[in-house]
Amino acid sequence: MQTHAPDLTIVILAGGRATRFPGKLEASFDGEPLLARVYRHLRDVAPVMIAGRDTFSDALDALLECPIVVDRWPDRGPLGGLLSAAYEAKASRIFAAAGDAPLITGTLIAQLLRAWNDGDEAVVPQHDGRLEPLAALYDRDALVREAWACLHSDDASMHALLARLRVRGVACGARTFANINTSADLAQLAQTP
């Protein structure tokens, strides 16, 4: 077992409605439930919290040995879940990970931690001219400050949050951020080496 990164909490966002693929977080990816895989890849890096709408099936819940924080703003997208967990986190930095992105690992977190400089409020992977806010490292205090304001504005998107923070982009390959939105996405990602 690895030593945890100091002063870091990982928040896995798992509160979406998944209308295009109901039950996707429990769908099997490489022999295990999708959410369990994301958790397993990150649990040795730092303490993990899962932000969700509710509990999961007993089988999946048994694989998740971490706190589950109920999203206080369940219909405001991932920002509501992230802010709910940030209120519970004690660490000064938070790594946000999408629960449907099975290729994110501790290697990415280590890369973002190395890129962090004094004054940064977020270190965010960047590829093809796009930022990946659901695989990013945040200063907890800045996140709480700006997420609250953003959540109660007309634009509660993660990109709107980034627009309010001092962001450092880090070039990364796009494949790491593949996420599952449909059963076709799951099948395609499972077949791609």
N, C-alpha and C. Protein backbone atom coordinates (compact mmCIF):
# COMPACT_ATOMS: atom_id res chain seq x y z
N MET A 1 0.84 -1.18 0.00
CA MET A 1 0.00 0.00 0.00
C MET A 1 0.88 1.25 0.00
N GLN A 2 0.53 2.21 -0.85
CA GLN A 2 1.31 3.43 -0.97
C GLN A 2 1.03 4.36 0.21
N THR A 3 1.97 5.28 0.44
CA THR A 3 1.74 6.34 1.41
C THR A 3 0.85 7.39 0.76
N HIS A 4 -0.13 7.88 1.49
CA HIS A 4 -1.05 8.87 0.94
C HIS A 4 -0.34 10.20 0.69
N ALA A 5 -0.77 10.87 -0.39
CA ALA A 5 -0.28 12.22 -0.67
C ALA A 5 -0.70 13.12 0.49
N PRO A 6 0.19 13.99 0.94
CA PRO A 6 -0.15 14.83 2.09
C PRO A 6 -1.19 15.89 1.75
N ASP A 7 -2.08 16.14 2.70
CA ASP A 7 -3.02 17.24 2.63
C ASP A 7 -3.85 17.24 1.34
N LEU A 8 -4.39 16.07 1.01
CA LEU A 8 -5.18 15.90 -0.20
C LEU A 8 -6.35 14.99 0.10
N THR A 9 -7.51 15.34 -0.43
CA THR A 9 -8.69 14.48 -0.42
C THR A 9 -9.12 14.28 -1.86
N ILE A 10 -9.50 13.06 -2.20
CA ILE A 10 -10.03 12.76 -3.52
C ILE A 10 -11.54 12.69 -3.41
N VAL A 11 -12.23 13.40 -4.30
CA VAL A 11 -13.69 13.38 -4.35
C VAL A 11 -14.09 12.76 -5.68
N ILE A 12 -14.76 11.61 -5.60
CA ILE A 12 -15.28 10.97 -6.80
C ILE A 12 -16.74 11.38 -6.94
N LEU A 13 -17.05 11.98 -8.07
CA LEU A 13 -18.39 12.50 -8.32
C LEU A 13 -19.26 11.41 -8.93
N ALA A 14 -20.30 11.04 -8.20
CA ALA A 14 -21.13 9.90 -8.62
C ALA A 14 -22.61 10.19 -8.38
N GLY A 15 -23.03 11.42 -8.62
CA GLY A 15 -24.40 11.79 -8.32
C GLY A 15 -25.26 12.12 -9.51
N GLY A 16 -24.73 11.92 -10.72
CA GLY A 16 -25.52 12.24 -11.91
C GLY A 16 -26.69 11.29 -12.09
N ARG A 17 -27.68 11.73 -12.85
CA ARG A 17 -28.88 10.91 -13.08
C ARG A 17 -28.65 9.77 -14.07
N ALA A 18 -27.63 9.88 -14.92
CA ALA A 18 -27.31 8.84 -15.90
C ALA A 18 -28.54 8.48 -16.74
N THR A 19 -29.21 9.48 -17.28
CA THR A 19 -30.43 9.23 -18.05
C THR A 19 -30.16 8.47 -19.34
N ARG A 20 -28.97 8.63 -19.91
CA ARG A 20 -28.65 7.91 -21.15
C ARG A 20 -28.20 6.48 -20.89
N PHE A 21 -27.79 6.19 -19.66
CA PHE A 21 -27.31 4.85 -19.32
C PHE A 21 -27.60 4.59 -17.84
N PRO A 22 -28.86 4.35 -17.51
CA PRO A 22 -29.21 4.11 -16.10
C PRO A 22 -28.39 2.97 -15.51
N GLY A 23 -27.92 3.18 -14.30
CA GLY A 23 -27.13 2.15 -13.62
C GLY A 23 -25.70 2.04 -14.10
N LYS A 24 -25.22 3.04 -14.83
CA LYS A 24 -23.89 2.91 -15.44
C LYS A 24 -22.77 2.72 -14.41
N LEU A 25 -22.88 3.33 -13.24
CA LEU A 25 -21.80 3.22 -12.27
C LEU A 25 -21.66 1.80 -11.72
N GLU A 26 -22.70 1.00 -11.91
CA GLU A 26 -22.64 -0.41 -11.49
C GLU A 26 -22.38 -1.35 -12.67
N ALA A 27 -22.32 -0.78 -13.88
CA ALA A 27 -22.04 -1.60 -15.06
C ALA A 27 -20.62 -2.13 -14.97
N SER A 28 -20.42 -3.33 -15.47
CA SER A 28 -19.11 -3.97 -15.38
C SER A 28 -18.15 -3.38 -16.42
N PHE A 29 -16.98 -2.99 -15.94
CA PHE A 29 -15.90 -2.55 -16.82
C PHE A 29 -14.66 -3.33 -16.40
N ASP A 30 -14.16 -4.13 -17.30
CA ASP A 30 -12.98 -4.95 -17.02
C ASP A 30 -13.17 -5.81 -15.77
N GLY A 31 -14.40 -6.34 -15.61
CA GLY A 31 -14.66 -7.29 -14.54
C GLY A 31 -15.08 -6.72 -13.20
N GLU A 32 -15.29 -5.42 -13.11
CA GLU A 32 -15.74 -4.83 -11.85
C GLU A 32 -16.65 -3.66 -12.13
N PRO A 33 -17.49 -3.28 -11.16
CA PRO A 33 -18.36 -2.12 -11.38
C PRO A 33 -17.52 -0.87 -11.68
N LEU A 34 -18.02 -0.06 -12.59
CA LEU A 34 -17.30 1.13 -13.05
C LEU A 34 -16.85 2.02 -11.88
N LEU A 35 -17.76 2.32 -10.97
CA LEU A 35 -17.40 3.19 -9.84
C LEU A 35 -16.36 2.53 -8.94
N ALA A 36 -16.47 1.23 -8.74
CA ALA A 36 -15.50 0.51 -7.91
C ALA A 36 -14.12 0.56 -8.53
N ARG A 37 -14.06 0.52 -9.85
CA ARG A 37 -12.77 0.60 -10.53
C ARG A 37 -12.11 1.96 -10.30
N VAL A 38 -12.91 3.03 -10.47
CA VAL A 38 -12.36 4.38 -10.26
C VAL A 38 -11.86 4.49 -8.82
N TYR A 39 -12.67 4.03 -7.87
CA TYR A 39 -12.27 4.07 -6.45
C TYR A 39 -10.98 3.27 -6.23
N ARG A 40 -10.90 2.08 -6.76
CA ARG A 40 -9.73 1.22 -6.55
C ARG A 40 -8.46 1.88 -7.09
N HIS A 41 -8.58 2.57 -8.22
CA HIS A 41 -7.40 3.22 -8.82
C HIS A 41 -6.91 4.42 -8.03
N LEU A 42 -7.77 4.97 -7.18
CA LEU A 42 -7.40 6.22 -6.50
C LEU A 42 -7.23 6.08 -4.99
N ARG A 43 -7.74 5.02 -4.39
CA ARG A 43 -7.80 4.91 -2.94
C ARG A 43 -6.45 4.91 -2.24
N ASP A 44 -5.39 4.48 -2.92
CA ASP A 44 -4.08 4.45 -2.28
C ASP A 44 -3.34 5.79 -2.38
N VAL A 45 -3.90 6.72 -3.15
CA VAL A 45 -3.24 8.02 -3.33
C VAL A 45 -3.53 8.96 -2.17
N ALA A 46 -4.78 9.00 -1.74
CA ALA A 46 -5.21 9.89 -0.67
C ALA A 46 -6.58 9.41 -0.19
N PRO A 47 -7.03 9.89 0.97
CA PRO A 47 -8.38 9.53 1.42
C PRO A 47 -9.42 9.93 0.36
N VAL A 48 -10.43 9.07 0.20
CA VAL A 48 -11.46 9.26 -0.82
C VAL A 48 -12.80 9.52 -0.16
N MET A 49 -13.57 10.40 -0.80
CA MET A 49 -14.99 10.60 -0.50
C MET A 49 -15.72 10.42 -1.82
N ILE A 50 -16.93 9.91 -1.74
CA ILE A 50 -17.76 9.83 -2.94
C ILE A 50 -18.95 10.76 -2.73
N ALA A 51 -19.18 11.64 -3.69
CA ALA A 51 -20.34 12.53 -3.65
C ALA A 51 -21.41 11.91 -4.53
N GLY A 52 -22.55 11.57 -3.91
CA GLY A 52 -23.62 10.92 -4.66
C GLY A 52 -24.99 11.41 -4.25
N ARG A 53 -25.99 10.96 -4.98
CA ARG A 53 -27.38 11.32 -4.68
C ARG A 53 -27.92 10.50 -3.52
N ASP A 54 -27.39 9.29 -3.39
CA ASP A 54 -27.95 8.32 -2.46
C ASP A 54 -26.91 7.23 -2.26
N THR A 55 -27.29 6.16 -1.62
CA THR A 55 -26.39 5.02 -1.50
C THR A 55 -26.46 4.20 -2.79
N PHE A 56 -25.62 3.19 -2.85
CA PHE A 56 -25.56 2.33 -4.02
C PHE A 56 -26.08 0.94 -3.64
N SER A 57 -26.09 0.03 -4.59
CA SER A 57 -26.52 -1.33 -4.27
C SER A 57 -25.60 -1.89 -3.19
N ASP A 58 -26.10 -2.89 -2.47
CA ASP A 58 -25.29 -3.50 -1.40
C ASP A 58 -23.98 -4.05 -1.95
N ALA A 59 -24.02 -4.65 -3.14
CA ALA A 59 -22.81 -5.25 -3.73
C ALA A 59 -21.77 -4.17 -4.03
N LEU A 60 -22.21 -3.06 -4.62
CA LEU A 60 -21.26 -1.98 -4.93
C LEU A 60 -20.82 -1.29 -3.64
N ASP A 61 -21.75 -1.04 -2.76
CA ASP A 61 -21.42 -0.36 -1.51
C ASP A 61 -20.35 -1.11 -0.72
N ALA A 62 -20.38 -2.43 -0.78
CA ALA A 62 -19.39 -3.24 -0.07
C ALA A 62 -17.98 -3.04 -0.61
N LEU A 63 -17.85 -2.58 -1.85
CA LEU A 63 -16.54 -2.36 -2.46
C LEU A 63 -15.99 -0.95 -2.20
N LEU A 64 -16.81 -0.09 -1.65
CA LEU A 64 -16.45 1.32 -1.47
C LEU A 64 -16.22 1.59 0.01
N GLU A 65 -15.00 1.46 0.46
CA GLU A 65 -14.66 1.64 1.87
C GLU A 65 -14.28 3.08 2.14
N CYS A 66 -15.24 3.97 1.92
CA CYS A 66 -15.00 5.41 2.11
C CYS A 66 -16.32 6.09 2.41
N PRO A 67 -16.27 7.33 2.91
CA PRO A 67 -17.51 8.06 3.17
C PRO A 67 -18.23 8.41 1.87
N ILE A 68 -19.55 8.37 1.94
CA ILE A 68 -20.38 8.84 0.83
C ILE A 68 -21.11 10.08 1.32
N VAL A 69 -20.85 11.19 0.64
CA VAL A 69 -21.44 12.47 1.00
C VAL A 69 -22.65 12.69 0.09
N VAL A 70 -23.79 12.95 0.68
CA VAL A 70 -25.00 13.19 -0.11
C VAL A 70 -24.95 14.61 -0.66
N ASP A 71 -25.16 14.72 -1.96
CA ASP A 71 -25.13 15.99 -2.66
C ASP A 71 -26.26 16.89 -2.15
N ARG A 72 -25.90 18.04 -1.59
CA ARG A 72 -26.90 18.98 -1.08
C ARG A 72 -27.68 19.67 -2.19
N TRP A 73 -27.09 19.71 -3.40
CA TRP A 73 -27.72 20.35 -4.55
C TRP A 73 -27.77 19.34 -5.69
N PRO A 74 -28.60 18.32 -5.59
CA PRO A 74 -28.54 17.19 -6.51
C PRO A 74 -28.89 17.50 -7.97
N ASP A 75 -29.51 18.61 -8.23
CA ASP A 75 -29.89 18.91 -9.61
C ASP A 75 -29.08 20.06 -10.20
N ARG A 76 -27.91 20.31 -9.64
CA ARG A 76 -27.08 21.40 -10.13
C ARG A 76 -25.79 20.91 -10.76
N GLY A 77 -25.75 19.65 -11.17
CA GLY A 77 -24.59 19.11 -11.85
C GLY A 77 -23.46 18.75 -10.90
N PRO A 78 -22.30 18.43 -11.47
CA PRO A 78 -21.18 17.99 -10.64
C PRO A 78 -20.70 19.04 -9.64
N LEU A 79 -20.93 20.31 -9.94
CA LEU A 79 -20.49 21.36 -9.03
C LEU A 79 -21.16 21.23 -7.66
N GLY A 80 -22.43 20.87 -7.63
CA GLY A 80 -23.12 20.69 -6.36
C GLY A 80 -22.53 19.57 -5.54
N GLY A 81 -22.21 18.45 -6.19
CA GLY A 81 -21.59 17.33 -5.48
C GLY A 81 -20.21 17.67 -4.97
N LEU A 82 -19.45 18.36 -5.80
CA LEU A 82 -18.09 18.73 -5.41
C LEU A 82 -18.11 19.69 -4.22
N LEU A 83 -19.00 20.66 -4.26
CA LEU A 83 -19.09 21.60 -3.15
C LEU A 83 -19.56 20.89 -1.88
N SER A 84 -20.53 19.99 -2.00
CA SER A 84 -21.00 19.24 -0.83
C SER A 84 -19.84 18.50 -0.16
N ALA A 85 -19.01 17.84 -0.97
CA ALA A 85 -17.87 17.10 -0.43
C ALA A 85 -16.80 18.04 0.11
N ALA A 86 -16.60 19.17 -0.55
CA ALA A 86 -15.57 20.13 -0.11
C ALA A 86 -15.88 20.64 1.29
N TYR A 87 -17.16 20.81 1.62
CA TYR A 87 -17.53 21.23 2.97
C TYR A 87 -17.11 20.19 4.01
N GLU A 88 -17.07 18.92 3.62
CA GLU A 88 -16.72 17.84 4.55
C GLU A 88 -15.22 17.57 4.59
N ALA A 89 -14.51 17.93 3.53
CA ALA A 89 -13.07 17.64 3.43
C ALA A 89 -12.28 18.53 4.38
N LYS A 90 -11.22 17.98 4.92
CA LYS A 90 -10.34 18.74 5.82
C LYS A 90 -9.04 19.15 5.12
N ALA A 91 -8.67 18.46 4.07
CA ALA A 91 -7.40 18.74 3.38
C ALA A 91 -7.46 20.07 2.65
N SER A 92 -6.30 20.65 2.40
CA SER A 92 -6.26 21.95 1.73
C SER A 92 -6.44 21.84 0.22
N ARG A 93 -6.24 20.62 -0.33
CA ARG A 93 -6.46 20.42 -1.78
C ARG A 93 -7.39 19.24 -2.01
N ILE A 94 -8.15 19.36 -3.09
CA ILE A 94 -9.11 18.33 -3.48
C ILE A 94 -8.84 17.94 -4.92
N PHE A 95 -8.78 16.63 -5.16
CA PHE A 95 -8.75 16.14 -6.53
C PHE A 95 -10.15 15.67 -6.86
N ALA A 96 -10.76 16.26 -7.89
CA ALA A 96 -12.10 15.86 -8.33
C ALA A 96 -11.97 14.87 -9.47
N ALA A 97 -12.69 13.76 -9.35
CA ALA A 97 -12.67 12.72 -10.38
C ALA A 97 -14.09 12.31 -10.72
N ALA A 98 -14.37 12.17 -12.00
CA ALA A 98 -15.67 11.68 -12.44
C ALA A 98 -15.77 10.19 -12.15
N GLY A 99 -16.89 9.77 -11.60
CA GLY A 99 -17.10 8.36 -11.29
C GLY A 99 -17.26 7.48 -12.49
N ASP A 100 -17.40 8.09 -13.67
CA ASP A 100 -17.57 7.32 -14.91
C ASP A 100 -16.34 7.41 -15.82
N ALA A 101 -15.19 7.75 -15.24
CA ALA A 101 -13.95 7.89 -16.01
C ALA A 101 -12.94 6.84 -15.51
N PRO A 102 -13.00 5.62 -16.03
CA PRO A 102 -12.25 4.51 -15.46
C PRO A 102 -10.75 4.50 -15.73
N LEU A 103 -10.24 5.43 -16.54
CA LEU A 103 -8.82 5.40 -16.88
C LEU A 103 -8.00 6.40 -16.07
N ILE A 104 -8.65 7.15 -15.20
CA ILE A 104 -7.92 8.08 -14.33
C ILE A 104 -7.25 7.29 -13.22
N THR A 105 -5.97 7.57 -13.01
CA THR A 105 -5.20 6.86 -11.98
C THR A 105 -4.39 7.84 -11.14
N GLY A 106 -3.71 7.30 -10.19
CA GLY A 106 -2.84 8.10 -9.34
C GLY A 106 -1.70 8.76 -10.09
N THR A 107 -1.33 8.23 -11.23
CA THR A 107 -0.27 8.84 -12.05
C THR A 107 -0.65 10.25 -12.45
N LEU A 108 -1.91 10.45 -12.83
CA LEU A 108 -2.38 11.79 -13.19
C LEU A 108 -2.32 12.71 -11.99
N ILE A 109 -2.77 12.24 -10.84
CA ILE A 109 -2.75 13.08 -9.64
C ILE A 109 -1.32 13.50 -9.30
N ALA A 110 -0.39 12.57 -9.40
CA ALA A 110 1.03 12.89 -9.13
C ALA A 110 1.53 13.96 -10.09
N GLN A 111 1.14 13.86 -11.35
CA GLN A 111 1.55 14.86 -12.35
C GLN A 111 1.00 16.24 -11.99
N LEU A 112 -0.25 16.30 -11.58
CA LEU A 112 -0.85 17.59 -11.23
C LEU A 112 -0.25 18.15 -9.94
N LEU A 113 0.04 17.30 -8.97
CA LEU A 113 0.68 17.76 -7.74
C LEU A 113 2.06 18.35 -8.02
N ARG A 114 2.81 17.72 -8.93
CA ARG A 114 4.15 18.26 -9.29
C ARG A 114 4.04 19.60 -9.98
N ALA A 115 2.95 19.83 -10.71
CA ALA A 115 2.78 21.08 -11.45
C ALA A 115 2.27 22.23 -10.58
N TRP A 116 1.77 21.91 -9.40
CA TRP A 116 1.17 22.91 -8.51
C TRP A 116 2.23 23.93 -8.07
N ASN A 117 1.91 25.22 -8.18
CA ASN A 117 2.77 26.31 -7.71
C ASN A 117 2.02 27.15 -6.70
N ASP A 118 2.75 27.84 -5.83
CA ASP A 118 2.12 28.76 -4.90
C ASP A 118 1.23 29.73 -5.67
N GLY A 119 0.06 29.99 -5.16
CA GLY A 119 -0.87 30.91 -5.81
C GLY A 119 -1.86 30.22 -6.73
N ASP A 120 -1.61 28.97 -7.10
CA ASP A 120 -2.57 28.25 -7.94
C ASP A 120 -3.83 27.97 -7.14
N GLU A 121 -4.97 28.07 -7.81
CA GLU A 121 -6.23 27.68 -7.20
C GLU A 121 -6.80 26.42 -7.85
N ALA A 122 -6.27 26.07 -9.01
CA ALA A 122 -6.63 24.81 -9.68
C ALA A 122 -5.52 24.45 -10.65
N VAL A 123 -5.22 23.16 -10.72
CA VAL A 123 -4.30 22.63 -11.73
C VAL A 123 -5.13 21.61 -12.51
N VAL A 124 -5.27 21.89 -13.80
CA VAL A 124 -6.28 21.19 -14.60
C VAL A 124 -5.64 20.58 -15.85
N PRO A 125 -5.89 19.30 -16.10
CA PRO A 125 -5.41 18.69 -17.34
C PRO A 125 -6.00 19.40 -18.56
N GLN A 126 -5.18 19.47 -19.60
CA GLN A 126 -5.60 20.15 -20.82
C GLN A 126 -5.18 19.30 -22.01
N HIS A 127 -6.08 19.17 -22.97
CA HIS A 127 -5.76 18.46 -24.22
C HIS A 127 -6.66 18.99 -25.32
N ASP A 128 -6.13 19.03 -26.51
CA ASP A 128 -6.91 19.46 -27.68
C ASP A 128 -7.64 20.79 -27.43
N GLY A 129 -7.00 21.70 -26.68
CA GLY A 129 -7.60 23.00 -26.40
C GLY A 129 -8.70 22.97 -25.35
N ARG A 130 -8.90 21.83 -24.69
CA ARG A 130 -9.97 21.69 -23.69
C ARG A 130 -9.39 21.46 -22.31
N LEU A 131 -10.05 22.01 -21.31
CA LEU A 131 -9.71 21.73 -19.92
C LEU A 131 -10.60 20.60 -19.41
N GLU A 132 -10.09 19.81 -18.48
CA GLU A 132 -10.82 18.68 -17.90
C GLU A 132 -11.08 18.94 -16.42
N PRO A 133 -12.14 19.69 -16.08
CA PRO A 133 -12.38 20.05 -14.68
C PRO A 133 -12.80 18.88 -13.80
N LEU A 134 -13.19 17.74 -14.40
CA LEU A 134 -13.59 16.58 -13.60
C LEU A 134 -12.46 15.57 -13.47
N ALA A 135 -11.24 16.08 -13.59
CA ALA A 135 -10.04 15.29 -13.32
C ALA A 135 -8.95 16.27 -12.90
N ALA A 136 -9.30 17.18 -11.99
CA ALA A 136 -8.45 18.32 -11.68
C ALA A 136 -8.21 18.45 -10.18
N LEU A 137 -7.17 19.20 -9.87
CA LEU A 137 -6.74 19.45 -8.51
C LEU A 137 -7.15 20.88 -8.13
N TYR A 138 -7.79 21.03 -6.98
CA TYR A 138 -8.32 22.33 -6.55
C TYR A 138 -7.83 22.70 -5.16
N ASP A 139 -7.61 24.00 -4.94
CA ASP A 139 -7.42 24.53 -3.61
C ASP A 139 -8.79 24.53 -2.94
N ARG A 140 -8.91 23.87 -1.81
CA ARG A 140 -10.22 23.69 -1.17
C ARG A 140 -10.89 25.02 -0.84
N ASP A 141 -10.15 25.95 -0.26
CA ASP A 141 -10.77 27.22 0.13
C ASP A 141 -11.25 28.01 -1.08
N ALA A 142 -10.46 28.04 -2.12
CA ALA A 142 -10.87 28.75 -3.35
C ALA A 142 -12.08 28.07 -3.97
N LEU A 143 -12.07 26.75 -3.95
CA LEU A 143 -13.20 25.99 -4.48
C LEU A 143 -14.49 26.33 -3.74
N VAL A 144 -14.44 26.29 -2.41
CA VAL A 144 -15.64 26.60 -1.62
C VAL A 144 -16.10 28.02 -1.91
N ARG A 145 -15.19 28.95 -1.92
CA ARG A 145 -15.53 30.36 -2.14
C ARG A 145 -16.22 30.56 -3.48
N GLU A 146 -15.62 30.04 -4.55
CA GLU A 146 -16.14 30.32 -5.89
C GLU A 146 -17.24 29.36 -6.31
N ALA A 147 -17.22 28.13 -5.82
CA ALA A 147 -18.28 27.19 -6.19
C ALA A 147 -19.62 27.65 -5.63
N TRP A 148 -19.61 28.16 -4.40
CA TRP A 148 -20.86 28.67 -3.81
C TRP A 148 -21.44 29.79 -4.68
N ALA A 149 -20.59 30.75 -5.05
CA ALA A 149 -21.05 31.86 -5.88
C ALA A 149 -21.53 31.36 -7.24
N CYS A 150 -20.79 30.44 -7.81
CA CYS A 150 -21.12 29.89 -9.13
C CYS A 150 -22.43 29.09 -9.08
N LEU A 151 -22.58 28.30 -8.04
CA LEU A 151 -23.76 27.45 -7.89
C LEU A 151 -25.04 28.28 -7.79
N HIS A 152 -24.92 29.47 -7.27
CA HIS A 152 -26.08 30.33 -7.11
C HIS A 152 -26.15 31.42 -8.18
N SER A 153 -25.50 31.16 -9.31
CA SER A 153 -25.54 32.07 -10.46
C SER A 153 -26.30 31.39 -11.59
N ASP A 154 -26.34 32.01 -12.73
CA ASP A 154 -27.02 31.43 -13.90
C ASP A 154 -26.22 30.31 -14.54
N ASP A 155 -24.93 30.21 -14.24
CA ASP A 155 -24.08 29.18 -14.85
C ASP A 155 -23.35 28.42 -13.75
N ALA A 156 -23.87 27.24 -13.43
CA ALA A 156 -23.28 26.40 -12.38
C ALA A 156 -22.44 25.28 -12.97
N SER A 157 -21.82 25.54 -14.10
CA SER A 157 -20.99 24.52 -14.75
C SER A 157 -19.58 24.50 -14.14
N MET A 158 -18.90 23.40 -14.32
CA MET A 158 -17.52 23.30 -13.85
C MET A 158 -16.62 24.27 -14.60
N HIS A 159 -16.90 24.53 -15.87
CA HIS A 159 -16.09 25.49 -16.63
C HIS A 159 -16.30 26.91 -16.11
N ALA A 160 -17.53 27.21 -15.65
CA ALA A 160 -17.77 28.52 -15.04
C ALA A 160 -16.96 28.65 -13.75
N LEU A 161 -16.85 27.55 -13.00
CA LEU A 161 -16.01 27.58 -11.80
C LEU A 161 -14.57 27.88 -12.18
N LEU A 162 -14.05 27.19 -13.19
CA LEU A 162 -12.65 27.42 -13.60
C LEU A 162 -12.42 28.87 -14.00
N ALA A 163 -13.42 29.49 -14.62
CA ALA A 163 -13.28 30.89 -15.04
C ALA A 163 -13.11 31.83 -13.85
N ARG A 164 -13.49 31.39 -12.66
CA ARG A 164 -13.39 32.21 -11.45
C ARG A 164 -12.10 31.95 -10.66
N LEU A 165 -11.32 30.96 -11.08
CA LEU A 165 -10.12 30.55 -10.34
C LEU A 165 -8.84 30.87 -11.11
N ARG A 166 -7.72 30.94 -10.36
CA ARG A 166 -6.40 31.03 -11.01
C ARG A 166 -6.01 29.60 -11.38
N VAL A 167 -6.04 29.32 -12.68
CA VAL A 167 -5.89 27.95 -13.19
C VAL A 167 -4.56 27.78 -13.90
N ARG A 168 -3.91 26.68 -13.61
CA ARG A 168 -2.72 26.26 -14.35
C ARG A 168 -3.11 25.03 -15.17
N GLY A 169 -2.97 25.13 -16.48
CA GLY A 169 -3.25 23.99 -17.35
C GLY A 169 -2.02 23.11 -17.48
N VAL A 170 -2.23 21.80 -17.55
CA VAL A 170 -1.15 20.83 -17.70
C VAL A 170 -1.48 19.94 -18.90
N ALA A 171 -0.60 19.91 -19.88
CA ALA A 171 -0.85 19.11 -21.09
C ALA A 171 -0.88 17.62 -20.74
N CYS A 172 -1.93 16.94 -21.20
CA CYS A 172 -2.12 15.51 -20.95
C CYS A 172 -2.74 14.87 -22.19
N GLY A 173 -2.57 13.58 -22.31
CA GLY A 173 -3.20 12.85 -23.40
C GLY A 173 -4.70 12.71 -23.18
N ALA A 174 -5.49 12.76 -24.24
CA ALA A 174 -6.94 12.76 -24.15
C ALA A 174 -7.52 11.44 -23.63
N ARG A 175 -6.90 10.32 -23.94
CA ARG A 175 -7.48 9.02 -23.60
C ARG A 175 -7.75 8.85 -22.10
N THR A 176 -6.91 9.42 -21.27
CA THR A 176 -7.06 9.31 -19.82
C THR A 176 -8.45 9.75 -19.36
N PHE A 177 -9.07 10.67 -20.08
CA PHE A 177 -10.30 11.30 -19.62
C PHE A 177 -11.55 10.72 -20.27
N ALA A 178 -11.39 9.60 -20.97
CA ALA A 178 -12.56 8.96 -21.58
C ALA A 178 -13.57 8.63 -20.49
N ASN A 179 -14.82 9.02 -20.73
CA ASN A 179 -15.85 8.70 -19.73
C ASN A 179 -16.98 7.94 -20.41
N ILE A 180 -17.79 7.32 -19.59
CA ILE A 180 -18.86 6.45 -20.06
C ILE A 180 -20.19 7.17 -19.89
N ASN A 181 -20.86 7.45 -21.01
CA ASN A 181 -22.19 8.06 -20.96
C ASN A 181 -23.27 7.13 -21.48
N THR A 182 -22.88 6.16 -22.30
CA THR A 182 -23.84 5.23 -22.89
C THR A 182 -23.25 3.82 -22.84
N SER A 183 -24.09 2.83 -23.08
CA SER A 183 -23.58 1.44 -23.13
C SER A 183 -22.62 1.28 -24.30
N ALA A 184 -22.83 2.04 -25.38
CA ALA A 184 -21.90 1.99 -26.51
C ALA A 184 -20.52 2.53 -26.12
N ASP A 185 -20.48 3.58 -25.31
CA ASP A 185 -19.20 4.11 -24.81
C ASP A 185 -18.47 3.04 -24.01
N LEU A 186 -19.22 2.34 -23.17
CA LEU A 186 -18.62 1.28 -22.34
C LEU A 186 -18.02 0.20 -23.21
N ALA A 187 -18.78 -0.25 -24.20
CA ALA A 187 -18.29 -1.32 -25.09
C ALA A 187 -17.06 -0.87 -25.87
N GLN A 188 -17.09 0.36 -26.37
CA GLN A 188 -15.97 0.87 -27.16
C GLN A 188 -14.71 1.01 -26.32
N LEU A 189 -14.84 1.58 -25.12
CA LEU A 189 -13.67 1.77 -24.28
C LEU A 189 -13.10 0.42 -23.81
N ALA A 190 -13.97 -0.53 -23.57
CA ALA A 190 -13.52 -1.85 -23.13
C ALA A 190 -12.73 -2.56 -24.22
N GLN A 191 -13.00 -2.25 -25.49
CA GLN A 191 -12.33 -2.90 -26.61
C GLN A 191 -11.06 -2.19 -27.05
N THR A 192 -10.89 -0.93 -26.63
CA THR A 192 -9.72 -0.15 -27.05
C THR A 192 -8.54 -0.44 -26.15
N PRO A 193 -7.42 -0.84 -26.75
CA PRO A 193 -6.25 -1.14 -25.91
C PRO A 193 -5.64 0.10 -25.29
